[in-house]
N, C-alpha and C. Protein backbone atom coordinates (compact mmCIF):
# COMPACT_ATOMS: atom_id res chain seq x y z
N MET A 1 102.37 118.28 83.03
CA MET A 1 102.62 116.82 82.17
C MET A 1 101.64 115.95 82.45
N ASP A 2 101.25 115.42 81.34
CA ASP A 2 100.07 114.42 81.57
C ASP A 2 100.64 113.02 82.10
N GLU A 3 99.85 112.19 82.37
CA GLU A 3 100.20 110.82 83.10
C GLU A 3 101.08 110.09 82.07
N SER A 4 100.79 110.10 80.79
CA SER A 4 101.55 109.30 79.86
C SER A 4 103.00 109.64 79.65
N GLN A 5 103.29 111.06 80.10
CA GLN A 5 104.65 111.58 79.87
C GLN A 5 105.49 111.27 81.11
N ARG A 6 104.95 110.85 82.23
CA ARG A 6 105.60 110.86 83.46
C ARG A 6 106.37 109.40 83.64
N PRO A 7 107.50 109.40 84.20
CA PRO A 7 108.22 108.18 84.32
C PRO A 7 107.32 107.19 85.06
N LEU A 8 107.59 105.89 84.72
CA LEU A 8 106.85 104.84 85.29
C LEU A 8 106.92 104.82 86.84
N TYR A 9 108.11 105.11 87.36
CA TYR A 9 108.28 104.95 88.76
C TYR A 9 107.39 106.07 89.60
N GLU A 10 107.06 107.27 88.91
CA GLU A 10 106.18 108.33 89.53
C GLU A 10 104.84 107.69 89.46
N ILE A 11 104.34 107.10 88.47
CA ILE A 11 103.09 106.57 88.18
C ILE A 11 102.95 105.52 89.28
N LYS A 12 103.85 104.53 89.51
CA LYS A 12 103.83 103.59 90.53
C LYS A 12 103.66 104.11 91.89
N ALA A 13 104.40 105.22 92.18
CA ALA A 13 104.34 105.78 93.40
C ALA A 13 103.05 106.33 93.83
N ASN A 14 102.40 106.96 92.78
CA ASN A 14 101.01 107.35 92.85
C ASN A 14 100.03 106.35 93.18
N LEU A 15 100.17 105.21 92.42
CA LEU A 15 99.36 104.08 92.92
C LEU A 15 99.46 103.67 94.19
N PHE A 16 100.65 103.70 94.74
CA PHE A 16 100.81 103.24 96.18
C PHE A 16 100.38 104.28 97.09
N LYS A 17 100.23 105.58 96.64
CA LYS A 17 99.74 106.62 97.46
C LYS A 17 98.18 106.22 97.61
N GLY A 18 97.59 105.71 96.60
CA GLY A 18 96.26 105.45 96.70
C GLY A 18 95.96 104.22 97.60
N LEU A 19 97.00 103.44 97.79
CA LEU A 19 96.87 102.28 98.79
C LEU A 19 97.35 102.58 100.08
N ALA A 20 97.80 103.85 100.36
CA ALA A 20 98.53 104.11 101.63
C ALA A 20 97.59 104.71 102.72
N HIS A 21 96.57 103.79 102.98
CA HIS A 21 95.65 104.06 104.12
C HIS A 21 95.10 102.85 104.59
N PRO A 22 95.26 102.46 105.81
CA PRO A 22 94.78 101.14 106.30
C PRO A 22 93.23 100.89 106.00
N LEU A 23 92.40 101.89 105.98
CA LEU A 23 90.95 101.62 105.55
C LEU A 23 90.76 101.39 104.20
N ARG A 24 91.69 101.82 103.28
CA ARG A 24 91.52 101.60 102.00
C ARG A 24 91.96 100.13 101.61
N ILE A 25 93.11 99.73 102.42
CA ILE A 25 93.53 98.37 102.31
C ILE A 25 92.38 97.41 102.70
N ARG A 26 91.63 97.81 103.81
CA ARG A 26 90.65 96.99 104.47
C ARG A 26 89.37 96.92 103.33
N VAL A 27 89.15 97.94 102.66
CA VAL A 27 88.17 97.87 101.69
C VAL A 27 88.48 97.13 100.47
N LEU A 28 89.83 97.19 100.06
CA LEU A 28 90.23 96.29 99.07
C LEU A 28 90.19 94.87 99.42
N GLU A 29 90.71 94.55 100.69
CA GLU A 29 90.51 93.14 101.22
C GLU A 29 89.15 92.59 101.18
N LEU A 30 88.17 93.44 101.51
CA LEU A 30 86.75 93.00 101.50
C LEU A 30 86.34 92.69 100.10
N LEU A 31 86.73 93.67 99.16
CA LEU A 31 86.49 93.44 97.60
C LEU A 31 87.09 92.23 97.15
N SER A 32 88.23 91.87 97.64
CA SER A 32 88.94 90.74 96.93
C SER A 32 88.33 89.45 97.43
N ALA A 33 87.59 89.51 98.56
CA ALA A 33 86.95 88.31 99.09
C ALA A 33 85.55 87.92 98.40
N ALA A 34 85.04 88.80 97.58
CA ALA A 34 83.79 88.59 96.92
C ALA A 34 83.77 89.27 95.47
N PRO A 35 82.93 88.78 94.61
CA PRO A 35 82.83 89.27 93.33
C PRO A 35 82.44 90.73 93.38
N GLU A 36 81.63 91.18 94.13
CA GLU A 36 81.22 92.58 94.35
C GLU A 36 80.62 92.83 95.94
N VAL A 37 80.74 93.99 96.26
CA VAL A 37 80.13 94.26 97.62
C VAL A 37 79.35 95.68 97.58
N SER A 38 78.30 95.55 98.32
CA SER A 38 77.37 96.86 98.20
C SER A 38 78.02 97.92 99.09
N VAL A 39 77.71 99.18 98.95
CA VAL A 39 78.25 100.20 99.90
C VAL A 39 77.69 99.87 101.29
N ALA A 40 76.37 99.47 101.37
CA ALA A 40 75.95 99.12 102.68
C ALA A 40 76.66 98.05 103.57
N ASP A 41 77.10 97.07 102.66
CA ASP A 41 78.00 95.95 103.31
C ASP A 41 79.41 96.63 103.71
N LEU A 42 79.92 97.38 102.77
CA LEU A 42 81.13 97.97 103.23
C LEU A 42 81.07 98.93 104.39
N LEU A 43 79.96 99.57 104.58
CA LEU A 43 79.69 100.49 105.72
C LEU A 43 79.62 99.52 106.97
N ARG A 44 78.93 98.62 106.81
CA ARG A 44 78.90 97.55 108.13
C ARG A 44 80.22 97.05 108.41
N GLU A 45 80.95 96.51 107.42
CA GLU A 45 82.04 95.77 107.65
C GLU A 45 83.28 96.76 108.18
N THR A 46 83.13 97.99 107.60
CA THR A 46 84.30 99.01 107.99
C THR A 46 84.05 99.88 109.27
N ASP A 47 82.79 99.90 109.71
CA ASP A 47 82.18 100.81 110.64
C ASP A 47 82.76 102.25 110.38
N LEU A 48 82.68 102.64 109.17
CA LEU A 48 82.96 104.04 108.83
C LEU A 48 81.73 104.71 108.64
N GLU A 49 81.69 106.17 108.83
CA GLU A 49 80.71 106.97 108.49
C GLU A 49 80.55 107.08 106.95
N PRO A 50 79.32 107.20 106.41
CA PRO A 50 79.24 107.10 105.03
C PRO A 50 80.13 108.17 104.37
N SER A 51 80.35 109.35 104.71
CA SER A 51 81.04 110.41 104.03
C SER A 51 82.43 109.77 104.03
N HIS A 52 83.03 109.17 105.03
CA HIS A 52 84.49 108.83 105.22
C HIS A 52 84.73 107.64 104.19
N LEU A 53 83.78 106.67 104.14
CA LEU A 53 83.85 105.71 103.17
C LEU A 53 83.87 106.13 101.72
N SER A 54 82.94 107.17 101.44
CA SER A 54 82.89 107.83 100.20
C SER A 54 84.13 108.39 99.65
N GLN A 55 84.84 109.07 100.65
CA GLN A 55 86.18 109.60 100.40
C GLN A 55 87.16 108.53 99.99
N HIS A 56 87.22 107.50 100.62
CA HIS A 56 88.08 106.39 100.42
C HIS A 56 87.86 105.73 99.12
N LEU A 57 86.55 105.54 98.93
CA LEU A 57 86.22 104.95 97.59
C LEU A 57 86.55 105.76 96.47
N SER A 58 86.42 106.98 96.61
CA SER A 58 86.76 108.04 95.71
C SER A 58 88.30 108.00 95.23
N VAL A 59 89.08 107.84 96.21
CA VAL A 59 90.54 107.71 96.12
C VAL A 59 90.93 106.50 95.25
N LEU A 60 90.22 105.36 95.81
CA LEU A 60 90.45 104.00 94.93
C LEU A 60 90.00 104.09 93.55
N ARG A 61 88.81 104.78 93.30
CA ARG A 61 88.34 104.96 91.90
C ARG A 61 89.49 105.72 91.19
N ARG A 62 89.62 106.81 91.67
CA ARG A 62 90.66 107.84 90.99
C ARG A 62 91.98 107.17 90.56
N HIS A 63 92.50 106.18 91.48
CA HIS A 63 93.64 105.48 91.14
C HIS A 63 93.44 104.23 90.35
N GLY A 64 92.19 104.00 89.87
CA GLY A 64 91.83 102.88 89.06
C GLY A 64 91.87 101.51 89.67
N LEU A 65 91.64 101.42 90.99
CA LEU A 65 91.76 100.21 91.69
C LEU A 65 90.30 99.50 91.92
N VAL A 66 89.25 100.39 91.99
CA VAL A 66 87.98 99.70 91.90
C VAL A 66 86.95 100.23 90.90
N ARG A 67 85.97 99.55 90.72
CA ARG A 67 84.88 100.07 89.79
C ARG A 67 83.58 99.97 90.59
N SER A 68 82.63 100.90 90.11
CA SER A 68 81.29 100.82 90.75
C SER A 68 80.31 100.67 89.83
N GLU A 69 79.12 100.18 90.35
CA GLU A 69 77.94 100.12 89.45
C GLU A 69 76.66 100.28 90.32
N ARG A 70 75.79 101.13 89.77
CA ARG A 70 74.60 101.46 90.48
C ARG A 70 73.45 100.49 89.95
N ARG A 71 72.74 99.79 90.84
CA ARG A 71 71.64 99.04 90.33
C ARG A 71 70.47 99.37 91.27
N GLY A 72 69.56 100.23 90.71
CA GLY A 72 68.39 100.69 91.52
C GLY A 72 69.08 101.72 92.48
N SER A 73 68.76 101.60 93.78
CA SER A 73 69.26 102.56 94.74
C SER A 73 70.48 101.96 95.40
N THR A 74 71.08 100.80 95.08
CA THR A 74 72.21 100.25 95.64
C THR A 74 73.47 100.27 94.75
N VAL A 75 74.53 100.88 95.27
CA VAL A 75 75.79 100.96 94.55
C VAL A 75 76.68 99.81 94.99
N TYR A 76 77.32 98.95 93.98
CA TYR A 76 78.13 97.87 94.17
C TYR A 76 79.53 98.35 93.89
N TYR A 77 80.49 97.75 94.57
CA TYR A 77 81.79 97.94 94.15
C TYR A 77 82.55 96.60 93.88
N ARG A 78 83.61 96.66 92.99
CA ARG A 78 84.32 95.46 92.77
C ARG A 78 85.84 95.83 92.48
N LEU A 79 86.73 94.97 92.54
CA LEU A 79 88.06 95.35 92.18
C LEU A 79 88.07 95.57 90.65
N ALA A 80 88.78 96.62 90.25
CA ALA A 80 88.91 96.97 88.80
C ALA A 80 89.80 95.81 87.99
N PHE A 81 90.70 95.17 88.80
CA PHE A 81 91.61 94.16 88.13
C PHE A 81 91.90 93.03 89.18
N ASP A 82 91.93 91.86 88.76
CA ASP A 82 92.13 90.77 89.58
C ASP A 82 93.43 90.88 90.23
N GLU A 83 94.48 91.61 89.67
CA GLU A 83 95.72 91.83 89.99
C GLU A 83 95.96 92.61 91.41
N VAL A 84 94.68 93.34 91.69
CA VAL A 84 94.73 94.10 92.88
C VAL A 84 94.71 93.00 94.09
N ALA A 85 93.99 91.96 93.79
CA ALA A 85 93.92 91.00 94.77
C ALA A 85 95.27 90.17 94.89
N ASP A 86 95.99 89.98 93.96
CA ASP A 86 97.16 89.45 93.89
C ASP A 86 98.14 90.36 94.62
N LEU A 87 98.14 91.64 94.36
CA LEU A 87 99.06 92.67 95.00
C LEU A 87 98.89 92.56 96.52
N LEU A 88 97.56 92.38 97.01
CA LEU A 88 97.40 92.32 98.47
C LEU A 88 97.89 91.06 98.93
N ARG A 89 97.71 90.02 98.20
CA ARG A 89 98.34 88.62 98.72
C ARG A 89 99.80 88.70 98.85
N VAL A 90 100.46 89.32 97.75
CA VAL A 90 101.97 89.33 97.86
C VAL A 90 102.29 90.34 99.04
N ALA A 91 101.63 91.37 99.27
CA ALA A 91 102.03 92.24 100.33
C ALA A 91 101.92 91.49 101.72
N ARG A 92 100.95 90.63 101.84
CA ARG A 92 100.75 89.98 103.03
C ARG A 92 101.87 88.93 103.20
N ILE A 93 102.38 88.32 102.12
CA ILE A 93 103.54 87.40 102.13
C ILE A 93 104.78 88.18 102.63
N LEU A 94 104.93 89.34 101.88
CA LEU A 94 106.06 90.12 102.26
C LEU A 94 105.94 90.53 103.69
N LEU A 95 104.87 90.95 104.16
CA LEU A 95 104.84 91.40 105.52
C LEU A 95 105.03 90.42 106.56
N THR A 96 104.63 89.21 106.11
CA THR A 96 104.93 87.95 107.11
C THR A 96 106.52 87.73 107.20
N GLU A 97 107.16 87.94 105.85
CA GLU A 97 108.63 87.79 105.93
C GLU A 97 109.18 88.77 106.80
N VAL A 98 108.78 90.09 106.63
CA VAL A 98 109.45 91.11 107.17
C VAL A 98 109.25 91.09 108.67
N LEU A 99 108.07 90.71 109.09
CA LEU A 99 107.76 90.54 110.57
C LEU A 99 108.61 89.37 111.08
N GLY A 100 108.73 88.28 110.22
CA GLY A 100 109.46 87.12 110.92
C GLY A 100 110.95 87.49 111.07
N THR A 101 111.46 88.20 110.13
CA THR A 101 112.95 88.59 110.08
C THR A 101 112.96 89.55 111.40
N SER A 102 112.14 90.55 111.63
CA SER A 102 112.20 91.49 112.64
C SER A 102 111.99 90.80 114.03
N SER A 103 111.18 89.83 114.20
CA SER A 103 111.00 89.14 115.31
C SER A 103 112.24 88.22 115.63
N GLY A 104 112.71 87.59 114.58
CA GLY A 104 114.07 86.94 114.72
C GLY A 104 115.15 87.78 115.25
N GLN A 105 115.26 88.97 114.63
CA GLN A 105 116.35 89.93 115.08
C GLN A 105 116.05 90.37 116.44
N LEU A 106 114.83 90.55 116.99
CA LEU A 106 114.59 90.88 118.39
C LEU A 106 114.87 89.79 119.13
N ARG A 107 114.69 88.54 118.90
CA ARG A 107 115.06 87.33 119.77
C ARG A 107 116.55 87.32 119.84
N ALA A 108 117.30 87.38 118.76
CA ALA A 108 118.71 87.46 118.66
C ALA A 108 119.30 88.45 119.55
N ALA A 109 118.71 89.65 119.53
CA ALA A 109 119.14 90.92 120.30
C ALA A 109 118.93 90.53 121.75
N GLY A 110 117.93 89.89 122.00
CA GLY A 110 117.72 89.47 123.49
C GLY A 110 118.69 88.52 124.02
N THR A 111 119.47 87.88 123.22
CA THR A 111 120.52 86.97 123.57
C THR A 111 121.82 87.54 123.75
N LEU A 112 122.06 88.78 123.30
CA LEU A 112 123.26 89.52 123.41
C LEU A 112 123.76 89.76 124.75
N PRO A 113 124.99 89.77 124.99
CA PRO A 113 125.43 90.12 126.43
C PRO A 113 124.99 91.52 126.75
N SER A 114 124.92 91.82 128.01
CA SER A 114 124.63 93.07 128.48
C SER A 114 125.71 94.00 128.25
N LEU A 115 125.45 95.31 128.10
CA LEU A 115 126.50 96.30 128.10
C LEU A 115 126.95 96.56 129.46
N PRO A 116 128.14 96.90 129.71
CA PRO A 116 128.67 97.28 131.10
C PRO A 116 127.93 98.55 131.42
N ALA A 117 127.67 98.87 132.75
CA ALA A 117 127.05 100.15 133.17
C ALA A 117 128.09 101.13 133.11
N ARG A 118 127.78 102.38 132.75
CA ARG A 118 128.77 103.45 132.82
C ARG A 118 128.88 104.18 134.16
């Protein structure tokens, strides 16, 4: 079945699979902070081996999240859509909310009376 015949929720899940690695998120965050970033700069900022960075960039390209352009011997990457940066921003807000709720629950749990020893 080709992509156009799959339910939207499956296509969305595959998009999130493309995002489901901390280093790919880091690369996207770096790209969201600048109009474009060279591979050399991505290597420096991520401290990855070139082959590992290449694999992660390949996944991001395959999922349509980034675009690349070669100029001379340098390859530059940029976000394919501004909405990718929006998605990262919303994820950060959601994460802050989730962590705030979790830490609030932990604080509340710390004030519960102790259970009697058995």
